[in-house]
Amino acid sequence: MESEELLISITSGLSKVGNQLRSLADICEYSGKRDSYIKFYHQLSEINAEILEDLGQVQDDESYTGILDRI
């Protein structure tokens, strides 16, 4: 379950940073910087989505390896 807690913590942090980048893009006066912030936001969103997929599999993986440890 430690992996699950770490992944939840990471996704929470990525969401927070993503929201801050989006807010920064909203207030930025320069289109070049704004586009960069939006690009970074989308990259973080993709990373977050992949981690959420992993999170869905963690419990299955950990229970499987736990069974192997007991054998």
PDB file of N, CA and C in Angstrom:
ATOM      1  N   MET A   1       0.800  -1.199   0.000  1.00  0.00           N
ATOM      2  CA  MET A   1       0.000   0.000   0.000  1.00  0.00           C
ATOM      3  C   MET A   1       0.850   1.274   0.000  1.00  0.00           C
ATOM      4  N   GLU A   2       2.126   1.127   0.292  1.00  0.00           N
ATOM      5  CA  GLU A   2       3.002   2.297   0.282  1.00  0.00           C
ATOM      6  C   GLU A   2       3.081   2.901  -1.119  1.00  0.00           C
ATOM      7  N   SER A   3       3.122   2.049  -2.131  1.00  0.00           N
ATOM      8  CA  SER A   3       3.161   2.529  -3.514  1.00  0.00           C
ATOM      9  C   SER A   3       1.915   3.335  -3.839  1.00  0.00           C
ATOM     10  N   GLU A   4       0.778   2.836  -3.381  1.00  0.00           N
ATOM     11  CA  GLU A   4      -0.490   3.522  -3.639  1.00  0.00           C
ATOM     12  C   GLU A   4      -0.489   4.918  -3.016  1.00  0.00           C
ATOM     13  N   GLU A   5      -0.020   5.017  -1.786  1.00  0.00           N
ATOM     14  CA  GLU A   5       0.046   6.309  -1.100  1.00  0.00           C
ATOM     15  C   GLU A   5       0.979   7.272  -1.826  1.00  0.00           C
ATOM     16  N   LEU A   6       2.120   6.766  -2.284  1.00  0.00           N
ATOM     17  CA  LEU A   6       3.065   7.612  -3.019  1.00  0.00           C
ATOM     18  C   LEU A   6       2.463   8.103  -4.335  1.00  0.00           C
ATOM     19  N   LEU A   7       1.797   7.207  -5.053  1.00  0.00           N
ATOM     20  CA  LEU A   7       1.183   7.602  -6.324  1.00  0.00           C
ATOM     21  C   LEU A   7       0.082   8.635  -6.109  1.00  0.00           C
ATOM     22  N   ILE A   8      -0.699   8.473  -5.054  1.00  0.00           N
ATOM     23  CA  ILE A   8      -1.744   9.452  -4.739  1.00  0.00           C
ATOM     24  C   ILE A   8      -1.114  10.799  -4.423  1.00  0.00           C
ATOM     25  N   SER A   9      -0.038  10.781  -3.652  1.00  0.00           N
ATOM     26  CA  SER A   9       0.666  12.020  -3.312  1.00  0.00           C
ATOM     27  C   SER A   9       1.218  12.703  -4.566  1.00  0.00           C
ATOM     28  N   ILE A  10       1.774  11.912  -5.469  1.00  0.00           N
ATOM     29  CA  ILE A  10       2.330  12.462  -6.711  1.00  0.00           C
ATOM     30  C   ILE A  10       1.234  13.074  -7.570  1.00  0.00           C
ATOM     31  N   THR A  11       0.117  12.359  -7.724  1.00  0.00           N
ATOM     32  CA  THR A  11      -0.965  12.896  -8.560  1.00  0.00           C
ATOM     33  C   THR A  11      -1.541  14.169  -7.956  1.00  0.00           C
ATOM     34  N   SER A  12      -1.607  14.212  -6.650  1.00  0.00           N
ATOM     35  CA  SER A  12      -2.090  15.421  -5.978  1.00  0.00           C
ATOM     36  C   SER A  12      -1.154  16.597  -6.254  1.00  0.00           C
ATOM     37  N   GLY A  13       0.144  16.355  -6.130  1.00  0.00           N
ATOM     38  CA  GLY A  13       1.130  17.406  -6.398  1.00  0.00           C
ATOM     39  C   GLY A  13       1.111  17.855  -7.847  1.00  0.00           C
ATOM     40  N   LEU A  14       0.995  16.901  -8.770  1.00  0.00           N
ATOM     41  CA  LEU A  14       0.940  17.251 -10.195  1.00  0.00           C
ATOM     42  C   LEU A  14      -0.304  18.070 -10.515  1.00  0.00           C
ATOM     43  N   SER A  15      -1.415  17.707  -9.892  1.00  0.00           N
ATOM     44  CA  SER A  15      -2.650  18.464 -10.111  1.00  0.00           C
ATOM     45  C   SER A  15      -2.498  19.900  -9.620  1.00  0.00           C
ATOM     46  N   LYS A  16      -1.869  20.036  -8.460  1.00  0.00           N
ATOM     47  CA  LYS A  16      -1.659  21.375  -7.893  1.00  0.00           C
ATOM     48  C   LYS A  16      -0.763  22.212  -8.810  1.00  0.00           C
ATOM     49  N   VAL A  17       0.352  21.639  -9.251  1.00  0.00           N
ATOM     50  CA  VAL A  17       1.265  22.356 -10.147  1.00  0.00           C
ATOM     51  C   VAL A  17       0.568  22.671 -11.470  1.00  0.00           C
ATOM     52  N   GLY A  18      -0.202  21.716 -11.987  1.00  0.00           N
ATOM     53  CA  GLY A  18      -0.940  21.937 -13.226  1.00  0.00           C
ATOM     54  C   GLY A  18      -1.909  23.098 -13.108  1.00  0.00           C
ATOM     55  N   ASN A  19      -2.634  23.153 -11.993  1.00  0.00           N
ATOM     56  CA  ASN A  19      -3.571  24.261 -11.777  1.00  0.00           C
ATOM     57  C   ASN A  19      -2.842  25.593 -11.680  1.00  0.00           C
ATOM     58  N   GLN A  20      -1.675  25.583 -11.046  1.00  0.00           N
ATOM     59  CA  GLN A  20      -0.892  26.810 -10.938  1.00  0.00           C
ATOM     60  C   GLN A  20      -0.383  27.254 -12.308  1.00  0.00           C
ATOM     61  N   LEU A  21       0.049  26.307 -13.138  1.00  0.00           N
ATOM     62  CA  LEU A  21       0.496  26.651 -14.492  1.00  0.00           C
ATOM     63  C   LEU A  21      -0.654  27.222 -15.314  1.00  0.00           C
ATOM     64  N   ARG A  22      -1.821  26.625 -15.156  1.00  0.00           N
ATOM     65  CA  ARG A  22      -2.993  27.116 -15.889  1.00  0.00           C
ATOM     66  C   ARG A  22      -3.342  28.538 -15.444  1.00  0.00           C
ATOM     67  N   SER A  23      -3.291  28.786 -14.150  1.00  0.00           N
ATOM     68  CA  SER A  23      -3.549  30.131 -13.627  1.00  0.00           C
ATOM     69  C   SER A  23      -2.505  31.114 -14.137  1.00  0.00           C
ATOM     70  N   LEU A  24      -1.264  30.680 -14.160  1.00  0.00           N
ATOM     71  CA  LEU A  24      -0.183  31.523 -14.659  1.00  0.00           C
ATOM     72  C   LEU A  24      -0.398  31.854 -16.131  1.00  0.00           C
ATOM     73  N   ALA A  25      -0.821  30.873 -16.905  1.00  0.00           N
ATOM     74  CA  ALA A  25      -1.097  31.100 -18.327  1.00  0.00           C
ATOM     75  C   ALA A  25      -2.236  32.102 -18.499  1.00  0.00           C
ATOM     76  N   ASP A  26      -3.229  32.027 -17.621  1.00  0.00           N
ATOM     77  CA  ASP A  26      -4.375  32.935 -17.712  1.00  0.00           C
ATOM     78  C   ASP A  26      -3.982  34.391 -17.466  1.00  0.00           C
ATOM     79  N   ILE A  27      -2.995  34.611 -16.600  1.00  0.00           N
ATOM     80  CA  ILE A  27      -2.635  35.991 -16.271  1.00  0.00           C
ATOM     81  C   ILE A  27      -1.421  36.508 -17.043  1.00  0.00           C
ATOM     82  N   CYS A  28      -0.767  35.629 -17.786  1.00  0.00           N
ATOM     83  CA  CYS A  28       0.445  36.013 -18.510  1.00  0.00           C
ATOM     84  C   CYS A  28       0.111  36.909 -19.706  1.00  0.00           C
ATOM     85  N   GLU A  29       0.862  37.981 -19.849  1.00  0.00           N
ATOM     86  CA  GLU A  29       0.638  38.936 -20.935  1.00  0.00           C
ATOM     87  C   GLU A  29       1.327  38.525 -22.232  1.00  0.00           C
ATOM     88  N   TYR A  30       2.344  37.704 -22.153  1.00  0.00           N
ATOM     89  CA  TYR A  30       3.130  37.350 -23.326  1.00  0.00           C
ATOM     90  C   TYR A  30       2.662  36.012 -23.892  1.00  0.00           C
ATOM     91  N   SER A  31       2.300  36.023 -25.162  1.00  0.00           N
ATOM     92  CA  SER A  31       1.728  34.815 -25.767  1.00  0.00           C
ATOM     93  C   SER A  31       2.723  33.654 -25.796  1.00  0.00           C
ATOM     94  N   GLY A  32       4.005  33.953 -25.982  1.00  0.00           N
ATOM     95  CA  GLY A  32       5.014  32.895 -26.004  1.00  0.00           C
ATOM     96  C   GLY A  32       5.086  32.162 -24.674  1.00  0.00           C
ATOM     97  N   LYS A  33       5.130  32.925 -23.598  1.00  0.00           N
ATOM     98  CA  LYS A  33       5.167  32.329 -22.259  1.00  0.00           C
ATOM     99  C   LYS A  33       3.857  31.611 -21.963  1.00  0.00           C
ATOM    100  N   ARG A  34       2.750  32.245 -22.326  1.00  0.00           N
ATOM    101  CA  ARG A  34       1.433  31.652 -22.087  1.00  0.00           C
ATOM    102  C   ARG A  34       1.331  30.292 -22.779  1.00  0.00           C
ATOM    103  N   ASP A  35       1.784  30.235 -24.036  1.00  0.00           N
ATOM    104  CA  ASP A  35       1.757  28.973 -24.782  1.00  0.00           C
ATOM    105  C   ASP A  35       2.641  27.915 -24.115  1.00  0.00           C
ATOM    106  N   SER A  36       3.786  28.343 -23.597  1.00  0.00           N
ATOM    107  CA  SER A  36       4.677  27.405 -22.893  1.00  0.00           C
ATOM    108  C   SER A  36       4.006  26.854 -21.638  1.00  0.00           C
ATOM    109  N   TYR A  37       3.364  27.735 -20.873  1.00  0.00           N
ATOM    110  CA  TYR A  37       2.692  27.293 -19.653  1.00  0.00           C
ATOM    111  C   TYR A  37       1.563  26.317 -19.970  1.00  0.00           C
ATOM    112  N   ILE A  38       0.825  26.597 -21.030  1.00  0.00           N
ATOM    113  CA  ILE A  38      -0.262  25.701 -21.431  1.00  0.00           C
ATOM    114  C   ILE A  38       0.308  24.363 -21.896  1.00  0.00           C
ATOM    115  N   LYS A  39       1.420  24.405 -22.624  1.00  0.00           N
ATOM    116  CA  LYS A  39       2.082  23.169 -23.072  1.00  0.00           C
ATOM    117  C   LYS A  39       2.535  22.345 -21.868  1.00  0.00           C
ATOM    118  N   PHE A  40       3.156  23.003 -20.883  1.00  0.00           N
ATOM    119  CA  PHE A  40       3.593  22.309 -19.673  1.00  0.00           C
ATOM    120  C   PHE A  40       2.399  21.711 -18.933  1.00  0.00           C
ATOM    121  N   TYR A  41       1.301  22.475 -18.881  1.00  0.00           N
ATOM    122  CA  TYR A  41       0.082  22.000 -18.224  1.00  0.00           C
ATOM    123  C   TYR A  41      -0.410  20.707 -18.885  1.00  0.00           C
ATOM    124  N   HIS A  42      -0.439  20.689 -20.211  1.00  0.00           N
ATOM    125  CA  HIS A  42      -0.905  19.501 -20.929  1.00  0.00           C
ATOM    126  C   HIS A  42       0.041  18.312 -20.722  1.00  0.00           C
ATOM    127  N   GLN A  43       1.339  18.589 -20.677  1.00  0.00           N
ATOM    128  CA  GLN A  43       2.300  17.511 -20.419  1.00  0.00           C
ATOM    129  C   GLN A  43       2.092  16.919 -19.025  1.00  0.00           C
ATOM    130  N   LEU A  44       1.874  17.796 -18.045  1.00  0.00           N
ATOM    131  CA  LEU A  44       1.617  17.312 -16.688  1.00  0.00           C
ATOM    132  C   LEU A  44       0.322  16.514 -16.629  1.00  0.00           C
ATOM    133  N   SER A  45      -0.675  16.955 -17.375  1.00  0.00           N
ATOM    134  CA  SER A  45      -1.949  16.229 -17.408  1.00  0.00           C
ATOM    135  C   SER A  45      -1.766  14.825 -17.965  1.00  0.00           C
ATOM    136  N   GLU A  46      -0.941  14.697 -19.000  1.00  0.00           N
ATOM    137  CA  GLU A  46      -0.668  13.377 -19.578  1.00  0.00           C
ATOM    138  C   GLU A  46       0.082  12.486 -18.584  1.00  0.00           C
ATOM    139  N   ILE A  47       1.058  13.058 -17.910  1.00  0.00           N
ATOM    140  CA  ILE A  47       1.810  12.303 -16.907  1.00  0.00           C
ATOM    141  C   ILE A  47       0.869  11.859 -15.791  1.00  0.00           C
ATOM    142  N   ASN A  48       0.021  12.782 -15.352  1.00  0.00           N
ATOM    143  CA  ASN A  48      -0.925  12.481 -14.285  1.00  0.00           C
ATOM    144  C   ASN A  48      -1.866  11.350 -14.694  1.00  0.00           C
ATOM    145  N   ALA A  49      -2.336  11.380 -15.933  1.00  0.00           N
ATOM    146  CA  ALA A  49      -3.235  10.333 -16.429  1.00  0.00           C
ATOM    147  C   ALA A  49      -2.542   8.970 -16.422  1.00  0.00           C
ATOM    148  N   GLU A  50      -1.282   8.937 -16.816  1.00  0.00           N
ATOM    149  CA  GLU A  50      -0.531   7.677 -16.813  1.00  0.00           C
ATOM    150  C   GLU A  50      -0.335   7.152 -15.391  1.00  0.00           C
ATOM    151  N   ILE A  51      -0.063   8.058 -14.473  1.00  0.00           N
ATOM    152  CA  ILE A  51       0.109   7.646 -13.078  1.00  0.00           C
ATOM    153  C   ILE A  51      -1.211   7.133 -12.515  1.00  0.00           C
ATOM    154  N   LEU A  52      -2.323   7.770 -12.885  1.00  0.00           N
ATOM    155  CA  LEU A  52      -3.627   7.294 -12.430  1.00  0.00           C
ATOM    156  C   LEU A  52      -3.918   5.891 -12.965  1.00  0.00           C
ATOM    157  N   GLU A  53      -3.487   5.611 -14.182  1.00  0.00           N
ATOM    158  CA  GLU A  53      -3.621   4.249 -14.722  1.00  0.00           C
ATOM    159  C   GLU A  53      -2.820   3.266 -13.871  1.00  0.00           C
ATOM    160  N   ASP A  54      -1.588   3.648 -13.540  1.00  0.00           N
ATOM    161  CA  ASP A  54      -0.748   2.802 -12.688  1.00  0.00           C
ATOM    162  C   ASP A  54      -1.397   2.595 -11.324  1.00  0.00           C
ATOM    163  N   LEU A  55      -2.003   3.650 -10.811  1.00  0.00           N
ATOM    164  CA  LEU A  55      -2.654   3.575  -9.511  1.00  0.00           C
ATOM    165  C   LEU A  55      -3.764   2.531  -9.529  1.00  0.00           C
ATOM    166  N   GLY A  56      -4.473   2.451 -10.645  1.00  0.00           N
ATOM    167  CA  GLY A  56      -5.525   1.454 -10.773  1.00  0.00           C
ATOM    168  C   GLY A  56      -4.997   0.029 -10.754  1.00  0.00           C
ATOM    169  N   GLN A  57      -3.741  -0.146 -11.135  1.00  0.00           N
ATOM    170  CA  GLN A  57      -3.149  -1.487 -11.194  1.00  0.00           C
ATOM    171  C   GLN A  57      -2.322  -1.839  -9.957  1.00  0.00           C
ATOM    172  N   VAL A  58      -2.028  -0.859  -9.137  1.00  0.00           N
ATOM    173  CA  VAL A  58      -1.141  -1.086  -7.990  1.00  0.00           C
ATOM    174  C   VAL A  58      -1.708  -2.139  -7.047  1.00  0.00           C
ATOM    175  N   GLN A  59      -2.969  -2.025  -6.733  1.00  0.00           N
ATOM    176  CA  GLN A  59      -3.546  -2.961  -5.777  1.00  0.00           C
ATOM    177  C   GLN A  59      -3.472  -4.397  -6.305  1.00  0.00           C
ATOM    178  N   ASP A  60      -3.776  -4.578  -7.588  1.00  0.00           N
ATOM    179  CA  ASP A  60      -3.672  -5.916  -8.180  1.00  0.00           C
ATOM    180  C   ASP A  60      -2.233  -6.420  -8.149  1.00  0.00           C
ATOM    181  N   ASP A  61      -1.302  -5.550  -8.543  1.00  0.00           N
ATOM    182  CA  ASP A  61       0.112  -5.939  -8.574  1.00  0.00           C
ATOM    183  C   ASP A  61       0.631  -6.283  -7.186  1.00  0.00           C
ATOM    184  N   GLU A  62       0.289  -5.445  -6.199  1.00  0.00           N
ATOM    185  CA  GLU A  62       0.802  -5.673  -4.853  1.00  0.00           C
ATOM    186  C   GLU A  62       0.190  -6.919  -4.226  1.00  0.00           C
ATOM    187  N   SER A  63      -1.079  -7.187  -4.499  1.00  0.00           N
ATOM    188  CA  SER A  63      -1.668  -8.403  -3.939  1.00  0.00           C
ATOM    189  C   SER A  63      -1.060  -9.635  -4.608  1.00  0.00           C
ATOM    190  N   TYR A  64      -0.766  -9.538  -5.903  1.00  0.00           N
ATOM    191  CA  TYR A  64      -0.131 -10.654  -6.619  1.00  0.00           C
ATOM    192  C   TYR A  64       1.265 -10.922  -6.065  1.00  0.00           C
ATOM    193  N   THR A  65       2.057  -9.861  -5.900  1.00  0.00           N
ATOM    194  CA  THR A  65       3.414 -10.068  -5.370  1.00  0.00           C
ATOM    195  C   THR A  65       3.369 -10.504  -3.916  1.00  0.00           C
ATOM    196  N   GLY A  66       2.352 -10.062  -3.191  1.00  0.00           N
ATOM    197  CA  GLY A  66       2.189 -10.516  -1.809  1.00  0.00           C
ATOM    198  C   GLY A  66       1.929 -12.011  -1.748  1.00  0.00           C
ATOM    199  N   ILE A  67       1.137 -12.502  -2.688  1.00  0.00           N
ATOM    200  CA  ILE A  67       0.875 -13.943  -2.769  1.00  0.00           C
ATOM    201  C   ILE A  67       2.166 -14.687  -3.095  1.00  0.00           C
ATOM    202  N   LEU A  68       2.940 -14.146  -4.027  1.00  0.00           N
ATOM    203  CA  LEU A  68       4.212 -14.786  -4.382  1.00  0.00           C
ATOM    204  C   LEU A  68       5.166 -14.819  -3.196  1.00  0.00           C
ATOM    205  N   ASP A  69       5.157 -13.750  -2.396  1.00  0.00           N
ATOM    206  CA  ASP A  69       6.034 -13.714  -1.222  1.00  0.00           C
ATOM    207  C   ASP A  69       5.680 -14.806  -0.220  1.00  0.00           C
ATOM    208  N   ARG A  70       4.399 -15.134  -0.133  1.00  0.00           N
ATOM    209  CA  ARG A  70       3.954 -16.144   0.834  1.00  0.00           C
ATOM    210  C   ARG A  70       4.224 -17.571   0.361  1.00  0.00           C
ATOM    211  N   ILE A  71       4.456 -17.730  -0.925  1.00  0.00           N
ATOM    212  CA  ILE A  71       4.664 -19.086  -1.466  1.00  0.00           C
ATOM    213  C   ILE A  71       6.041 -19.596  -1.110  1.00  0.00           C
TER     214      ILE A  71
END
